[in-house]
C-alpha atoms as a PDB file:
ATOM      1  CA  UNK A   1     -22.920  20.794  -4.431  1.00  0.00           C
ATOM      2  CA  UNK A   2     -23.527  18.688  -7.586  1.00  0.00           C
ATOM      3  CA  UNK A   3     -23.909  14.852  -7.123  1.00  0.00           C
ATOM      4  CA  UNK A   4     -20.620  14.337  -9.106  1.00  0.00           C
ATOM      5  CA  UNK A   5     -18.597  16.449  -6.621  1.00  0.00           C
ATOM      6  CA  UNK A   6     -20.444  14.575  -3.674  1.00  0.00           C
ATOM      7  CA  UNK A   7     -19.203  11.343  -5.128  1.00  0.00           C
ATOM      8  CA  UNK A   8     -15.770  12.663  -5.802  1.00  0.00           C
ATOM      9  CA  UNK A   9     -15.328  13.795  -2.131  1.00  0.00           C
ATOM     10  CA  UNK A  10     -16.651  10.565  -1.063  1.00  0.00           C
ATOM     11  CA  UNK A  11     -14.221   8.587  -3.411  1.00  0.00           C
ATOM     12  CA  UNK A  12     -11.272  10.774  -2.209  1.00  0.00           C
ATOM     13  CA  UNK A  13     -12.124  10.026   1.515  1.00  0.00           C
ATOM     14  CA  UNK A  14     -12.154   6.201   0.573  1.00  0.00           C
ATOM     15  CA  UNK A  15      -8.842   6.443  -1.437  1.00  0.00           C
ATOM     16  CA  UNK A  16      -7.203   8.216   1.769  1.00  0.00           C
ATOM     17  CA  UNK A  17      -8.586   5.914   4.029  1.00  0.00           C
ATOM     18  CA  UNK A  18      -7.109   2.991   1.778  1.00  0.00           C
ATOM     19  CA  UNK A  19      -3.978   4.651   1.519  1.00  0.00           C
ATOM     20  CA  UNK A  20      -3.670   4.885   5.247  1.00  0.00           C
ATOM     21  CA  UNK A  21      -4.170   1.332   5.733  1.00  0.00           C
ATOM     22  CA  UNK A  22      -1.836   0.571   2.949  1.00  0.00           C
ATOM     23  CA  UNK A  23       0.667   2.821   4.811  1.00  0.00           C
ATOM     24  CA  UNK A  24       0.051   1.024   7.878  1.00  0.00           C
ATOM     25  CA  UNK A  25       0.642  -2.314   6.492  1.00  0.00           C
ATOM     26  CA  UNK A  26       3.730  -1.287   4.795  1.00  0.00           C
ATOM     27  CA  UNK A  27       4.900   0.438   8.017  1.00  0.00           C
ATOM     28  CA  UNK A  28       4.207  -3.027   9.710  1.00  0.00           C
ATOM     29  CA  UNK A  29       6.360  -4.705   7.035  1.00  0.00           C
ATOM     30  CA  UNK A  30       9.423  -2.221   7.606  1.00  0.00           C
ATOM     31  CA  UNK A  31       9.046  -2.472  11.553  1.00  0.00           C
ATOM     32  CA  UNK A  32       9.280  -6.215  11.043  1.00  0.00           C
ATOM     33  CA  UNK A  33      12.167  -6.050   8.817  1.00  0.00           C
ATOM     34  CA  UNK A  34      14.182  -3.869  11.379  1.00  0.00           C
ATOM     35  CA  UNK A  35      13.003  -4.843  14.902  1.00  0.00           C
ATOM     36  CA  UNK A  36      11.867  -8.315  14.840  1.00  0.00           C
ATOM     37  CA  UNK A  37      12.850 -10.396  11.571  1.00  0.00           C
ATOM     38  CA  UNK A  38      11.042 -13.849  11.472  1.00  0.00           C
ATOM     39  CA  UNK A  39      13.303 -16.568  10.041  1.00  0.00           C
ATOM     40  CA  UNK A  40      13.172 -16.554   6.401  1.00  0.00           C
ATOM     41  CA  UNK A  41      11.376 -12.940   6.181  1.00  0.00           C
ATOM     42  CA  UNK A  42      14.046 -11.469   3.619  1.00  0.00           C
ATOM     43  CA  UNK A  43      13.868 -14.349   1.371  1.00  0.00           C
ATOM     44  CA  UNK A  44       9.921 -14.269   1.540  1.00  0.00           C
ATOM     45  CA  UNK A  45      10.210 -10.580   0.656  1.00  0.00           C
ATOM     46  CA  UNK A  46      12.473 -11.298  -2.076  1.00  0.00           C
ATOM     47  CA  UNK A  47      10.373 -14.051  -3.568  1.00  0.00           C
ATOM     48  CA  UNK A  48       7.530 -11.496  -3.853  1.00  0.00           C
ATOM     49  CA  UNK A  49       9.854  -9.139  -5.495  1.00  0.00           C
ATOM     50  CA  UNK A  50       9.953  -6.701  -2.880  1.00  0.00           C
ATOM     51  CA  UNK A  51      13.151  -4.772  -1.961  1.00  0.00           C
ATOM     52  CA  UNK A  52      13.754  -2.698   1.193  1.00  0.00           C
ATOM     53  CA  UNK A  53      14.006   0.604  -1.203  1.00  0.00           C
ATOM     54  CA  UNK A  54      10.838  -0.273  -2.561  1.00  0.00           C
ATOM     55  CA  UNK A  55       8.978  -0.751   0.843  1.00  0.00           C
ATOM     56  CA  UNK A  56      10.288   2.819   1.930  1.00  0.00           C
ATOM     57  CA  UNK A  57       9.211   4.191  -1.622  1.00  0.00           C
ATOM     58  CA  UNK A  58       5.769   2.651  -0.747  1.00  0.00           C
ATOM     59  CA  UNK A  59       5.691   4.022   2.685  1.00  0.00           C
ATOM     60  CA  UNK A  60       6.501   7.520   1.480  1.00  0.00           C
ATOM     61  CA  UNK A  61       4.028   7.206  -1.479  1.00  0.00           C
ATOM     62  CA  UNK A  62       1.199   5.975   0.566  1.00  0.00           C
ATOM     63  CA  UNK A  63       1.799   8.521   3.390  1.00  0.00           C
ATOM     64  CA  UNK A  64       1.709  11.379   1.197  1.00  0.00           C
ATOM     65  CA  UNK A  65      -1.164   9.887  -0.738  1.00  0.00           C
ATOM     66  CA  UNK A  66      -3.186   9.935   2.395  1.00  0.00           C
ATOM     67  CA  UNK A  67      -2.413  13.624   3.236  1.00  0.00           C
ATOM     68  CA  UNK A  68      -2.988  14.480  -0.359  1.00  0.00           C
ATOM     69  CA  UNK A  69      -6.359  12.788  -0.829  1.00  0.00           C
ATOM     70  CA  UNK A  70      -7.591  14.051   2.495  1.00  0.00           C
ATOM     71  CA  UNK A  71      -6.537  17.629   1.892  1.00  0.00           C
ATOM     72  CA  UNK A  72      -8.357  17.094  -1.548  1.00  0.00           C
ATOM     73  CA  UNK A  73     -11.486  15.884  -0.128  1.00  0.00           C
ATOM     74  CA  UNK A  74     -11.533  18.896   2.317  1.00  0.00           C
ATOM     75  CA  UNK A  75     -10.953  21.566  -0.400  1.00  0.00           C
ATOM     76  CA  UNK A  76     -13.505  20.159  -2.577  1.00  0.00           C
ATOM     77  CA  UNK A  77     -16.100  20.616   0.072  1.00  0.00           C
ATOM     78  CA  UNK A  78     -14.905  24.461   0.132  1.00  0.00           C
ATOM     79  CA  UNK A  79     -15.054  25.081  -3.570  1.00  0.00           C
ATOM     80  CA  UNK A  80     -13.502  27.458  -5.708  1.00  0.00           C
ATOM     81  CA  UNK A  81     -10.715  27.351  -8.464  1.00  0.00           C
ATOM     82  CA  UNK A  82      -7.867  26.836  -5.811  1.00  0.00           C
ATOM     83  CA  UNK A  83      -9.814  23.479  -4.970  1.00  0.00           C
ATOM     84  CA  UNK A  84     -10.207  22.235  -8.402  1.00  0.00           C
ATOM     85  CA  UNK A  85      -6.317  23.349  -9.270  1.00  0.00           C
ATOM     86  CA  UNK A  86      -5.284  21.581  -6.152  1.00  0.00           C
ATOM     87  CA  UNK A  87      -7.243  18.489  -7.084  1.00  0.00           C
ATOM     88  CA  UNK A  88      -5.483  18.510 -10.673  1.00  0.00           C
ATOM     89  CA  UNK A  89      -2.273  18.791  -9.242  1.00  0.00           C
ATOM     90  CA  UNK A  90      -2.818  15.926  -6.766  1.00  0.00           C
ATOM     91  CA  UNK A  91      -4.273  13.851  -9.576  1.00  0.00           C
ATOM     92  CA  UNK A  92      -1.409  14.578 -11.865  1.00  0.00           C
ATOM     93  CA  UNK A  93       1.091  13.455  -9.152  1.00  0.00           C
ATOM     94  CA  UNK A  94      -0.702  10.369  -8.347  1.00  0.00           C
ATOM     95  CA  UNK A  95      -0.552   9.416 -12.129  1.00  0.00           C
ATOM     96  CA  UNK A  96       3.170  10.197 -12.091  1.00  0.00           C
ATOM     97  CA  UNK A  97       3.579   8.054  -8.834  1.00  0.00           C
ATOM     98  CA  UNK A  98       1.749   5.004 -10.246  1.00  0.00           C
ATOM     99  CA  UNK A  99       3.999   5.173 -13.477  1.00  0.00           C
ATOM    100  CA  UNK A 100       7.150   5.530 -11.571  1.00  0.00           C
ATOM    101  CA  UNK A 101       6.178   2.806  -9.230  1.00  0.00           C
ATOM    102  CA  UNK A 102       5.198   0.448 -12.010  1.00  0.00           C
ATOM    103  CA  UNK A 103       8.464   1.172 -13.882  1.00  0.00           C
ATOM    104  CA  UNK A 104      10.455   0.450 -10.714  1.00  0.00           C
ATOM    105  CA  UNK A 105       8.205  -2.822 -10.372  1.00  0.00           C
ATOM    106  CA  UNK A 106       9.229  -4.005 -14.000  1.00  0.00           C
ATOM    107  CA  UNK A 107      12.896  -2.764 -13.651  1.00  0.00           C
ATOM    108  CA  UNK A 108      13.493  -5.479 -11.329  1.00  0.00           C
ATOM    109  CA  UNK A 109      11.537  -8.235 -12.865  1.00  0.00           C
ATOM    110  CA  UNK A 110      13.358 -10.903 -14.152  1.00  0.00           C
ATOM    111  CA  UNK A 111      10.841 -11.994 -16.629  1.00  0.00           C
ATOM    112  CA  UNK A 112      10.967  -8.660 -18.350  1.00  0.00           C
ATOM    113  CA  UNK A 113      13.947  -9.477 -20.614  1.00  0.00           C
ATOM    114  CA  UNK A 114      13.303  -7.579 -23.863  1.00  0.00           C
ATOM    115  CA  UNK A 115      12.262  -4.043 -24.307  1.00  0.00           C
ATOM    116  CA  UNK A 116       9.028  -5.286 -26.153  1.00  0.00           C
ATOM    117  CA  UNK A 117       7.855  -7.444 -23.454  1.00  0.00           C
ATOM    118  CA  UNK A 118       8.547  -4.515 -20.938  1.00  0.00           C
ATOM    119  CA  UNK A 119       6.527  -2.023 -22.912  1.00  0.00           C
ATOM    120  CA  UNK A 120       3.760  -4.712 -22.883  1.00  0.00           C
ATOM    121  CA  UNK A 121       4.022  -5.486 -19.373  1.00  0.00           C
ATOM    122  CA  UNK A 122       4.191  -1.522 -18.626  1.00  0.00           C
ATOM    123  CA  UNK A 123       1.011  -0.952 -20.360  1.00  0.00           C
ATOM    124  CA  UNK A 124      -0.891  -3.799 -18.980  1.00  0.00           C
ATOM    125  CA  UNK A 125      -0.071  -2.823 -15.470  1.00  0.00           C
ATOM    126  CA  UNK A 126      -0.352   1.065 -15.933  1.00  0.00           C
ATOM    127  CA  UNK A 127      -3.512   1.255 -17.681  1.00  0.00           C
ATOM    128  CA  UNK A 128      -5.862  -0.373 -15.169  1.00  0.00           C
ATOM    129  CA  UNK A 129      -4.046   1.394 -12.235  1.00  0.00           C
ATOM    130  CA  UNK A 130      -4.698   4.635 -13.920  1.00  0.00           C
ATOM    131  CA  UNK A 131      -8.480   4.154 -14.414  1.00  0.00           C
ATOM    132  CA  UNK A 132      -9.130   5.439 -10.765  1.00  0.00           C
ATOM    133  CA  UNK A 133      -7.449   8.972 -11.289  1.00  0.00           C
ATOM    134  CA  UNK A 134      -9.157   9.056 -14.806  1.00  0.00           C
ATOM    135  CA  UNK A 135     -12.403   8.359 -13.016  1.00  0.00           C
ATOM    136  CA  UNK A 136     -11.668  11.248 -10.510  1.00  0.00           C
ATOM    137  CA  UNK A 137     -10.694  13.517 -13.452  1.00  0.00           C
ATOM    138  CA  UNK A 138     -14.000  12.794 -15.117  1.00  0.00           C
ATOM    139  CA  UNK A 139     -16.095  13.582 -12.140  1.00  0.00           C
ATOM    140  CA  UNK A 140     -14.217  16.586 -11.677  1.00  0.00           C
ATOM    141  CA  UNK A 141     -14.727  18.051 -15.045  1.00  0.00           C
ATOM    142  CA  UNK A 142     -18.509  17.449 -15.505  1.00  0.00           C
ATOM    143  CA  UNK A 143     -20.282  20.641 -16.357  1.00  0.00           C
ATOM    144  CA  UNK A 144     -22.220  20.629 -12.771  1.00  0.00           C
ATOM    145  CA  UNK A 145     -18.950  20.258 -11.275  1.00  0.00           C
ATOM    146  CA  UNK A 146     -17.336  23.236 -13.259  1.00  0.00           C
ATOM    147  CA  UNK A 147     -19.997  25.535 -12.814  1.00  0.00           C
ATOM    148  CA  UNK A 148     -20.009  24.857  -8.844  1.00  0.00           C
ATOM    149  CA  UNK A 149     -16.465  25.511  -8.525  1.00  0.00           C
ATOM    150  CA  UNK A 150     -16.798  28.796 -10.481  1.00  0.00           C
ATOM    151  CA  UNK A 151     -19.819  30.039  -8.354  1.00  0.00           C
ATOM    152  CA  UNK A 152     -17.963  29.116  -5.199  1.00  0.00           C
ATOM    153  CA  UNK A 153     -14.807  31.050  -6.263  1.00  0.00           C
END
């Protein structure tokens, strides 16, 4: 297995672990919301700009991200074109989720009062968040990675 794919597998495992920890944190926030709500908790969430539907969206997003990135790390170890295609689909879905989450974030932001400000804010938030999937895509498409995935098909 080429070094780029080994690094990619390690990064996928790290991303899956971070997604799992974030899912646990969001689940804790949801449990706090429904089972034991401290005084001022809803106001605190509102000050942070976090709504209950957004918390549920995050929980679903991070749970699916954990499963997807774990599956991607396992499939990359096996190799083959199916692994490459599956990883490409996972990266595309991750990019779409990032863009949708950012759009949802900026839709409720009171500071975004004009479409130009919205486009600029969306660009400054989306571009850094898309750097991680872009790095993963770059590692997947190196010449050695493509050759190894073809050889293990």
